[in-house]
Amino acid sequence: MIVTILYRYADEPDASDLPNPFGDVLEDVWYTDAIKWAVANGIVLGYGDGTFGPHDPVTKEQLAALIYRTQNSTGLIPPSSGAGASFPDADNIRDYAKDAVVALNNQGLFQDIPYDNFNPRNPASRAEIASMLYRYLTALPE
C-alpha cells in the first residue's frame, strides 16, 4: 500500500512495460504497476531472494528507506528543519536505512514517534505511516 501511495503521488507513470522481478508479485493486481515503477526507480529492492513480500507489514526502517529513496528518485525533498530527535536505539537501525532515518528525522518526519526509542524493526503502525506520509507530502516545496 505504501508503494502504491508514493506511485499515485508521482501521477502513476506508465509501468506496463517495466519488468516485474518478484515471484510473489502477481501481474494485474492493484499494486503491480506501483511495485514495478518503484523497482525501476530504485525505491524498492525486495528481500534479495527474488521476493518482495507485498502483504508483509512494513517496519519503521523500511518505511524510512521507501520515503528517502522516493525523495532521491523524484527530487522532491523537503527542506531540513534541523536536527531531529535523538533515538537511544539508533544502533539497531540496519545499514540500508541509516541515512534514510537521519535525513527524514532532520526533515521532522519522526516528530511524533512515541517513547524515546525509534524501534526500527518494529512494524510501523497505521498512525505512524499516515503521519510520516502526511508530513512528507505536505512539506514538499510547491
C-alpha atoms as a PDB file:
ATOM      1  CA  MET A   1       0.000   0.000   0.000  1.00  0.00           C
ATOM      2  CA  ILE A   2       2.802   2.446   0.835  1.00  0.00           C
ATOM      3  CA  VAL A   3       4.487   1.967  -2.519  1.00  0.00           C
ATOM      4  CA  THR A   4       1.110   2.498  -4.188  1.00  0.00           C
ATOM      5  CA  ILE A   5       0.592   5.780  -2.338  1.00  0.00           C
ATOM      6  CA  LEU A   6       4.020   7.021  -3.443  1.00  0.00           C
ATOM      7  CA  TYR A   7       3.316   5.860  -7.006  1.00  0.00           C
ATOM      8  CA  ARG A   8      -0.006   7.670  -7.099  1.00  0.00           C
ATOM      9  CA  TYR A   9       1.618  10.829  -5.765  1.00  0.00           C
ATOM     10  CA  ALA A  10       4.057  10.574  -8.696  1.00  0.00           C
ATOM     11  CA  ASP A  11       0.998  10.696 -11.014  1.00  0.00           C
ATOM     12  CA  GLU A  12       1.042   6.971 -11.775  1.00  0.00           C
ATOM     13  CA  PRO A  13       3.562   6.915 -14.615  1.00  0.00           C
ATOM     14  CA  ASP A  14       3.083   4.132 -17.140  1.00  0.00           C
ATOM     15  CA  ALA A  15       4.723   0.989 -15.793  1.00  0.00           C
ATOM     16  CA  SER A  16       3.059  -1.554 -18.063  1.00  0.00           C
ATOM     17  CA  ASP A  17       6.254  -2.363 -19.982  1.00  0.00           C
ATOM     18  CA  LEU A  18       8.527  -2.461 -16.922  1.00  0.00           C
ATOM     19  CA  PRO A  19       9.775  -5.836 -15.702  1.00  0.00           C
ATOM     20  CA  ASN A  20       8.455  -7.451 -12.545  1.00  0.00           C
ATOM     21  CA  PRO A  21      11.448  -9.069 -10.811  1.00  0.00           C
ATOM     22  CA  PHE A  22       9.497 -10.542  -7.908  1.00  0.00           C
ATOM     23  CA  GLY A  23       7.998 -14.014  -7.909  1.00  0.00           C
ATOM     24  CA  ASP A  24       5.475 -13.078  -5.227  1.00  0.00           C
ATOM     25  CA  VAL A  25       4.107 -10.024  -7.052  1.00  0.00           C
ATOM     26  CA  LEU A  26       1.373 -11.236  -9.378  1.00  0.00           C
ATOM     27  CA  GLU A  27       0.592  -9.474 -12.643  1.00  0.00           C
ATOM     28  CA  ASP A  28      -2.537  -7.347 -12.878  1.00  0.00           C
ATOM     29  CA  VAL A  29      -3.024  -6.828  -9.152  1.00  0.00           C
ATOM     30  CA  TRP A  30      -3.860  -3.320  -7.908  1.00  0.00           C
ATOM     31  CA  TYR A  31      -0.267  -2.791  -6.682  1.00  0.00           C
ATOM     32  CA  THR A  32       1.709  -4.425  -9.527  1.00  0.00           C
ATOM     33  CA  ASP A  33       2.442  -1.283 -11.560  1.00  0.00           C
ATOM     34  CA  ALA A  34       3.389   0.621  -8.416  1.00  0.00           C
ATOM     35  CA  ILE A  35       5.935  -2.014  -7.452  1.00  0.00           C
ATOM     36  CA  LYS A  36       7.353  -2.207 -10.986  1.00  0.00           C
ATOM     37  CA  TRP A  37       7.685   1.609 -11.013  1.00  0.00           C
ATOM     38  CA  ALA A  38       9.350   1.553  -7.601  1.00  0.00           C
ATOM     39  CA  VAL A  39      11.846  -1.101  -8.717  1.00  0.00           C
ATOM     40  CA  ALA A  40      12.678   0.826 -11.896  1.00  0.00           C
ATOM     41  CA  ASN A  41      13.332   3.954  -9.834  1.00  0.00           C
ATOM     42  CA  GLY A  42      15.462   2.309  -7.154  1.00  0.00           C
ATOM     43  CA  ILE A  43      12.849   2.785  -4.443  1.00  0.00           C
ATOM     44  CA  VAL A  44      12.341  -0.897  -3.606  1.00  0.00           C
ATOM     45  CA  LEU A  45      14.888  -3.667  -3.756  1.00  0.00           C
ATOM     46  CA  GLY A  46      12.992  -6.617  -2.325  1.00  0.00           C
ATOM     47  CA  TYR A  47      14.427  -9.121   0.105  1.00  0.00           C
ATOM     48  CA  GLY A  48      17.297 -10.216  -2.127  1.00  0.00           C
ATOM     49  CA  ASP A  49      15.844 -13.666  -2.744  1.00  0.00           C
ATOM     50  CA  GLY A  50      13.523 -12.698  -5.591  1.00  0.00           C
ATOM     51  CA  THR A  51      10.627 -11.812  -3.313  1.00  0.00           C
ATOM     52  CA  PHE A  52       9.039  -8.528  -2.296  1.00  0.00           C
ATOM     53  CA  GLY A  53       6.545  -9.509   0.402  1.00  0.00           C
ATOM     54  CA  PRO A  54       3.600  -7.402  -0.806  1.00  0.00           C
ATOM     55  CA  HIS A  55       1.498  -8.434   2.192  1.00  0.00           C
ATOM     56  CA  ASP A  56       4.233  -8.120   4.838  1.00  0.00           C
ATOM     57  CA  PRO A  57       3.920  -5.355   7.408  1.00  0.00           C
ATOM     58  CA  VAL A  58       6.409  -2.551   6.809  1.00  0.00           C
ATOM     59  CA  THR A  59       8.883  -1.762   9.562  1.00  0.00           C
ATOM     60  CA  LYS A  60       9.766   1.773  10.559  1.00  0.00           C
ATOM     61  CA  GLU A  61      13.216   1.477   8.980  1.00  0.00           C
ATOM     62  CA  GLN A  62      11.711   0.093   5.750  1.00  0.00           C
ATOM     63  CA  LEU A  63       9.218   2.958   5.655  1.00  0.00           C
ATOM     64  CA  ALA A  64      12.030   5.462   6.143  1.00  0.00           C
ATOM     65  CA  ALA A  65      14.020   3.859   3.319  1.00  0.00           C
ATOM     66  CA  LEU A  66      10.999   3.916   0.978  1.00  0.00           C
ATOM     67  CA  ILE A  67      10.320   7.597   1.571  1.00  0.00           C
ATOM     68  CA  TYR A  68      14.008   8.544   1.385  1.00  0.00           C
ATOM     69  CA  ARG A  69      14.545   6.650  -1.869  1.00  0.00           C
ATOM     70  CA  THR A  70      11.405   8.236  -3.298  1.00  0.00           C
ATOM     71  CA  GLN A  71      12.787  11.648  -2.411  1.00  0.00           C
ATOM     72  CA  ASN A  72      16.073  10.885  -4.145  1.00  0.00           C
ATOM     73  CA  SER A  73      14.377   9.360  -7.176  1.00  0.00           C
ATOM     74  CA  THR A  74      11.894  12.180  -7.720  1.00  0.00           C
ATOM     75  CA  GLY A  75      13.994  15.068  -6.435  1.00  0.00           C
ATOM     76  CA  LEU A  76      11.057  16.057  -4.227  1.00  0.00           C
ATOM     77  CA  ILE A  77      12.939  16.602  -0.982  1.00  0.00           C
ATOM     78  CA  PRO A  78      11.505  18.645   1.885  1.00  0.00           C
ATOM     79  CA  PRO A  79      13.818  21.160   3.500  1.00  0.00           C
ATOM     80  CA  SER A  80      15.616  20.169   6.658  1.00  0.00           C
ATOM     81  CA  SER A  81      14.028  21.525   9.785  1.00  0.00           C
ATOM     82  CA  GLY A  82      17.170  20.959  11.852  1.00  0.00           C
ATOM     83  CA  ALA A  83      18.341  18.101  13.976  1.00  0.00           C
ATOM     84  CA  GLY A  84      15.519  15.763  14.872  1.00  0.00           C
ATOM     85  CA  ALA A  85      15.055  13.582  17.899  1.00  0.00           C
ATOM     86  CA  SER A  86      17.888  11.531  19.292  1.00  0.00           C
ATOM     87  CA  PHE A  87      17.000   7.855  19.444  1.00  0.00           C
ATOM     88  CA  PRO A  88      18.861   5.760  22.061  1.00  0.00           C
ATOM     89  CA  ASP A  89      18.332   2.656  19.903  1.00  0.00           C
ATOM     90  CA  ALA A  90      19.783   4.204  16.738  1.00  0.00           C
ATOM     91  CA  ASP A  91      22.453   1.472  16.699  1.00  0.00           C
ATOM     92  CA  ASN A  92      19.664  -1.030  15.917  1.00  0.00           C
ATOM     93  CA  ILE A  93      18.899   0.614  12.572  1.00  0.00           C
ATOM     94  CA  ARG A  94      20.236  -1.553   9.761  1.00  0.00           C
ATOM     95  CA  ASP A  95      22.844  -0.059   7.450  1.00  0.00           C
ATOM     96  CA  TYR A  96      20.495   0.180   4.443  1.00  0.00           C
ATOM     97  CA  ALA A  97      18.191   2.535   6.377  1.00  0.00           C
ATOM     98  CA  LYS A  98      20.598   4.643   8.464  1.00  0.00           C
ATOM     99  CA  ASP A  99      20.951   7.535   6.008  1.00  0.00           C
ATOM    100  CA  ALA A 100      17.201   7.482   5.433  1.00  0.00           C
ATOM    101  CA  VAL A 101      16.379   7.701   9.134  1.00  0.00           C
ATOM    102  CA  VAL A 102      18.853  10.550   9.681  1.00  0.00           C
ATOM    103  CA  ALA A 103      17.561  12.541   6.685  1.00  0.00           C
ATOM    104  CA  LEU A 104      13.867  12.059   7.483  1.00  0.00           C
ATOM    105  CA  ASN A 105      14.470  12.762  11.151  1.00  0.00           C
ATOM    106  CA  ASN A 106      16.119  16.066  10.196  1.00  0.00           C
ATOM    107  CA  GLN A 107      13.100  16.850   7.999  1.00  0.00           C
ATOM    108  CA  GLY A 108      10.839  16.461  11.028  1.00  0.00           C
ATOM    109  CA  LEU A 109       9.020  13.358   9.819  1.00  0.00           C
ATOM    110  CA  PHE A 110       9.525  11.493  13.102  1.00  0.00           C
ATOM    111  CA  GLN A 111       8.432  14.213  15.488  1.00  0.00           C
ATOM    112  CA  ASP A 112       5.588  12.184  16.942  1.00  0.00           C
ATOM    113  CA  ILE A 113       7.250   8.782  17.293  1.00  0.00           C
ATOM    114  CA  PRO A 114       6.094   7.670  20.756  1.00  0.00           C
ATOM    115  CA  TYR A 115       8.570   6.919  23.506  1.00  0.00           C
ATOM    116  CA  ASP A 116      12.281   7.576  23.299  1.00  0.00           C
ATOM    117  CA  ASN A 117      13.266   4.711  21.020  1.00  0.00           C
ATOM    118  CA  PHE A 118      12.728   4.501  17.276  1.00  0.00           C
ATOM    119  CA  ASN A 119      12.240   0.714  17.324  1.00  0.00           C
ATOM    120  CA  PRO A 120      13.377   0.421  13.696  1.00  0.00           C
ATOM    121  CA  ARG A 121      12.492  -3.231  13.197  1.00  0.00           C
ATOM    122  CA  ASN A 122       9.002  -2.987  14.642  1.00  0.00           C
ATOM    123  CA  PRO A 123       6.098  -2.724  12.231  1.00  0.00           C
ATOM    124  CA  ALA A 124       5.033   0.856  11.701  1.00  0.00           C
ATOM    125  CA  SER A 125       1.529   1.484  12.960  1.00  0.00           C
ATOM    126  CA  ARG A 126      -1.128   2.865  10.636  1.00  0.00           C
ATOM    127  CA  ALA A 127      -0.965   6.135  12.568  1.00  0.00           C
ATOM    128  CA  GLU A 128       2.825   6.353  12.173  1.00  0.00           C
ATOM    129  CA  ILE A 129       2.594   5.612   8.452  1.00  0.00           C
ATOM    130  CA  ALA A 130      -0.137   8.199   7.946  1.00  0.00           C
ATOM    131  CA  SER A 131       1.750  10.786   9.980  1.00  0.00           C
ATOM    132  CA  MET A 132       5.055  10.257   8.174  1.00  0.00           C
ATOM    133  CA  LEU A 133       3.482  10.274   4.712  1.00  0.00           C
ATOM    134  CA  TYR A 134       1.428  13.352   5.575  1.00  0.00           C
ATOM    135  CA  ARG A 135       4.476  15.215   6.866  1.00  0.00           C
ATOM    136  CA  TYR A 136       6.498  14.209   3.815  1.00  0.00           C
ATOM    137  CA  LEU A 137       3.893  15.115   1.222  1.00  0.00           C
ATOM    138  CA  THR A 138       2.845  18.403   2.826  1.00  0.00           C
ATOM    139  CA  ALA A 139       6.433  19.555   3.402  1.00  0.00           C
ATOM    140  CA  LEU A 140       7.350  19.385  -0.273  1.00  0.00           C
ATOM    141  CA  PRO A 141       8.125  22.688  -1.932  1.00  0.00           C
ATOM    142  CA  GLU A 142       5.419  23.687  -4.402  1.00  0.00           C
END
